Amino acid sequence: MKTPERILEAVRKYYRKNRAKKILQNRDYRLKTKFGISLELYNSMIQDRDGLCDICKRESNGRGSLHVDHDHVSGKIRGLLCSNCNLALGMFQDSRATILAAEKYLRGEK
């Protein structure tokens, strides 16, 4: 009969062995359900951009992979963004008028 400690160690060993595969399966599932794309297509999109954000042209700021940016009304994918650019667009609520106003502000215009 296995002791609880041996059972727990067997579970931990299985988890360590299969963790990477499970992470990829989960990511593929989330991409398919949320954006209608596969992990393979997402990886291809990353490769097409050399792993750089579509706005700032930097890597993903050390916070994981690039985020899939999409139009919240149509659901159409616009591109891939780093965490900072993705958050910025979210804070501006995808409002072009607000983004243009911010640009004017940064130029010192009123």
C-alpha atoms as a PDB file:
ATOM      1  CA  MET A   1       0.000   0.000   0.000  1.00  0.00           C
ATOM      2  CA  LYS A   2       1.336   3.426  -0.952  1.00  0.00           C
ATOM      3  CA  THR A   3       1.678   5.987   1.753  1.00  0.00           C
ATOM      4  CA  PRO A   4       0.165   9.458   1.254  1.00  0.00           C
ATOM      5  CA  GLU A   5       3.678  10.866   0.882  1.00  0.00           C
ATOM      6  CA  ARG A   6       4.512   8.455  -1.950  1.00  0.00           C
ATOM      7  CA  ILE A   7       1.230   9.209  -3.687  1.00  0.00           C
ATOM      8  CA  LEU A   8       1.885  12.933  -3.376  1.00  0.00           C
ATOM      9  CA  GLU A   9       5.408  12.526  -4.761  1.00  0.00           C
ATOM     10  CA  ALA A  10       4.045  10.514  -7.713  1.00  0.00           C
ATOM     11  CA  VAL A  11       1.519  13.276  -8.442  1.00  0.00           C
ATOM     12  CA  ARG A  12       4.257  15.938  -8.252  1.00  0.00           C
ATOM     13  CA  LYS A  13       6.486  13.925 -10.585  1.00  0.00           C
ATOM     14  CA  TYR A  14       3.641  13.535 -13.109  1.00  0.00           C
ATOM     15  CA  TYR A  15       2.852  17.257 -12.869  1.00  0.00           C
ATOM     16  CA  ARG A  16       6.471  18.283 -13.470  1.00  0.00           C
ATOM     17  CA  LYS A  17       6.731  15.922 -16.423  1.00  0.00           C
ATOM     18  CA  ASN A  18       3.531  17.127 -18.104  1.00  0.00           C
ATOM     19  CA  ARG A  19       3.441  20.783 -17.057  1.00  0.00           C
ATOM     20  CA  ALA A  20       4.842  22.294 -20.263  1.00  0.00           C
ATOM     21  CA  LYS A  21       2.500  20.244 -22.435  1.00  0.00           C
ATOM     22  CA  LYS A  22      -0.491  21.251 -20.317  1.00  0.00           C
ATOM     23  CA  ILE A  23       0.459  24.936 -20.476  1.00  0.00           C
ATOM     24  CA  LEU A  24       0.592  24.782 -24.282  1.00  0.00           C
ATOM     25  CA  GLN A  25      -2.752  22.962 -24.435  1.00  0.00           C
ATOM     26  CA  ASN A  26      -4.347  25.588 -22.187  1.00  0.00           C
ATOM     27  CA  ARG A  27      -2.926  28.461 -24.228  1.00  0.00           C
ATOM     28  CA  ASP A  28      -4.127  26.851 -27.471  1.00  0.00           C
ATOM     29  CA  TYR A  29      -7.609  26.399 -25.976  1.00  0.00           C
ATOM     30  CA  ARG A  30      -7.778  30.033 -24.772  1.00  0.00           C
ATOM     31  CA  LEU A  31      -6.600  31.401 -28.136  1.00  0.00           C
ATOM     32  CA  LYS A  32      -9.171  29.300 -30.001  1.00  0.00           C
ATOM     33  CA  THR A  33     -12.086  30.149 -27.738  1.00  0.00           C
ATOM     34  CA  LYS A  34     -11.337  33.853 -27.296  1.00  0.00           C
ATOM     35  CA  PHE A  35      -9.872  34.845 -30.674  1.00  0.00           C
ATOM     36  CA  GLY A  36     -10.555  31.933 -33.028  1.00  0.00           C
ATOM     37  CA  ILE A  37      -6.865  31.278 -33.734  1.00  0.00           C
ATOM     38  CA  SER A  38      -4.619  28.328 -32.977  1.00  0.00           C
ATOM     39  CA  LEU A  39      -1.398  28.406 -31.004  1.00  0.00           C
ATOM     40  CA  GLU A  40       0.364  27.589 -34.274  1.00  0.00           C
ATOM     41  CA  LEU A  41      -1.068  30.706 -35.947  1.00  0.00           C
ATOM     42  CA  TYR A  42      -0.250  32.835 -32.888  1.00  0.00           C
ATOM     43  CA  ASN A  43       3.361  31.607 -32.961  1.00  0.00           C
ATOM     44  CA  SER A  44       3.492  32.397 -36.681  1.00  0.00           C
ATOM     45  CA  MET A  45       2.230  35.933 -35.960  1.00  0.00           C
ATOM     46  CA  ILE A  46       4.971  36.331 -33.322  1.00  0.00           C
ATOM     47  CA  GLN A  47       7.569  35.152 -35.835  1.00  0.00           C
ATOM     48  CA  ASP A  48       6.281  37.550 -38.531  1.00  0.00           C
ATOM     49  CA  ARG A  49       6.902  40.441 -36.119  1.00  0.00           C
ATOM     50  CA  ASP A  50      10.264  39.147 -34.870  1.00  0.00           C
ATOM     51  CA  GLY A  51       8.631  38.953 -31.422  1.00  0.00           C
ATOM     52  CA  LEU A  52       8.094  42.730 -31.298  1.00  0.00           C
ATOM     53  CA  CYS A  53       5.043  44.765 -30.287  1.00  0.00           C
ATOM     54  CA  ASP A  54       3.114  46.292 -33.208  1.00  0.00           C
ATOM     55  CA  ILE A  55       3.072  49.716 -31.521  1.00  0.00           C
ATOM     56  CA  CYS A  56       6.353  50.306 -29.673  1.00  0.00           C
ATOM     57  CA  LYS A  57       8.430  47.728 -31.600  1.00  0.00           C
ATOM     58  CA  ARG A  58       9.882  46.355 -28.364  1.00  0.00           C
ATOM     59  CA  GLU A  59       9.814  42.860 -26.947  1.00  0.00           C
ATOM     60  CA  SER A  60       7.123  41.906 -24.472  1.00  0.00           C
ATOM     61  CA  ASN A  61       8.577  43.922 -21.558  1.00  0.00           C
ATOM     62  CA  GLY A  62       9.622  40.742 -19.751  1.00  0.00           C
ATOM     63  CA  ARG A  63       6.005  40.044 -18.818  1.00  0.00           C
ATOM     64  CA  GLY A  64       5.352  36.977 -20.869  1.00  0.00           C
ATOM     65  CA  SER A  65       4.294  36.823 -24.458  1.00  0.00           C
ATOM     66  CA  LEU A  66       2.634  39.402 -26.662  1.00  0.00           C
ATOM     67  CA  HIS A  67      -1.090  39.965 -26.187  1.00  0.00           C
ATOM     68  CA  VAL A  68      -3.591  39.470 -28.985  1.00  0.00           C
ATOM     69  CA  ASP A  69      -5.164  42.885 -29.602  1.00  0.00           C
ATOM     70  CA  HIS A  70      -8.650  42.875 -31.068  1.00  0.00           C
ATOM     71  CA  ASP A  71     -11.523  45.210 -31.802  1.00  0.00           C
ATOM     72  CA  HIS A  72     -13.973  44.731 -28.956  1.00  0.00           C
ATOM     73  CA  VAL A  73     -16.962  45.426 -31.198  1.00  0.00           C
ATOM     74  CA  SER A  74     -16.167  43.301 -34.255  1.00  0.00           C
ATOM     75  CA  GLY A  75     -13.805  40.834 -32.582  1.00  0.00           C
ATOM     76  CA  LYS A  76     -11.349  41.285 -35.465  1.00  0.00           C
ATOM     77  CA  ILE A  77      -7.700  40.801 -34.500  1.00  0.00           C
ATOM     78  CA  ARG A  78      -5.644  43.960 -35.010  1.00  0.00           C
ATOM     79  CA  GLY A  79      -2.229  42.669 -34.000  1.00  0.00           C
ATOM     80  CA  LEU A  80       0.041  41.713 -31.114  1.00  0.00           C
ATOM     81  CA  LEU A  81       0.992  44.104 -28.329  1.00  0.00           C
ATOM     82  CA  CYS A  82       3.295  44.144 -25.317  1.00  0.00           C
ATOM     83  CA  SER A  83       1.700  44.457 -21.894  1.00  0.00           C
ATOM     84  CA  ASN A  84       2.271  48.214 -21.673  1.00  0.00           C
ATOM     85  CA  CYS A  85       0.768  49.045 -25.062  1.00  0.00           C
ATOM     86  CA  ASN A  86      -2.131  46.663 -24.514  1.00  0.00           C
ATOM     87  CA  LEU A  87      -2.892  48.262 -21.138  1.00  0.00           C
ATOM     88  CA  ALA A  88      -2.556  51.770 -22.601  1.00  0.00           C
ATOM     89  CA  LEU A  89      -5.133  51.051 -25.300  1.00  0.00           C
ATOM     90  CA  GLY A  90      -7.397  49.579 -22.660  1.00  0.00           C
ATOM     91  CA  MET A  91      -7.021  52.644 -20.455  1.00  0.00           C
ATOM     92  CA  PHE A  92      -7.890  54.843 -23.439  1.00  0.00           C
ATOM     93  CA  GLN A  93     -10.874  52.523 -24.047  1.00  0.00           C
ATOM     94  CA  ASP A  94      -9.802  52.181 -27.700  1.00  0.00           C
ATOM     95  CA  SER A  95     -10.925  55.794 -28.231  1.00  0.00           C
ATOM     96  CA  ARG A  96      -9.122  57.358 -31.185  1.00  0.00           C
ATOM     97  CA  ALA A  97     -10.197  60.822 -30.054  1.00  0.00           C
ATOM     98  CA  THR A  98      -8.653  60.307 -26.612  1.00  0.00           C
ATOM     99  CA  ILE A  99      -5.453  58.888 -28.088  1.00  0.00           C
ATOM    100  CA  LEU A 100      -5.166  61.873 -30.469  1.00  0.00           C
ATOM    101  CA  ALA A 101      -5.820  64.237 -27.552  1.00  0.00           C
ATOM    102  CA  ALA A 102      -3.016  62.522 -25.626  1.00  0.00           C
ATOM    103  CA  GLU A 103      -0.718  62.960 -28.627  1.00  0.00           C
ATOM    104  CA  LYS A 104      -1.553  66.688 -28.769  1.00  0.00           C
ATOM    105  CA  TYR A 105      -0.888  66.945 -25.049  1.00  0.00           C
ATOM    106  CA  LEU A 106       2.528  65.303 -25.425  1.00  0.00           C
ATOM    107  CA  ARG A 107       3.390  67.802 -28.186  1.00  0.00           C
ATOM    108  CA  GLY A 108       2.512  70.641 -25.814  1.00  0.00           C
ATOM    109  CA  GLU A 109      -0.584  71.689 -27.758  1.00  0.00           C
ATOM    110  CA  LYS A 110      -3.861  72.599 -26.091  1.00  0.00           C
END
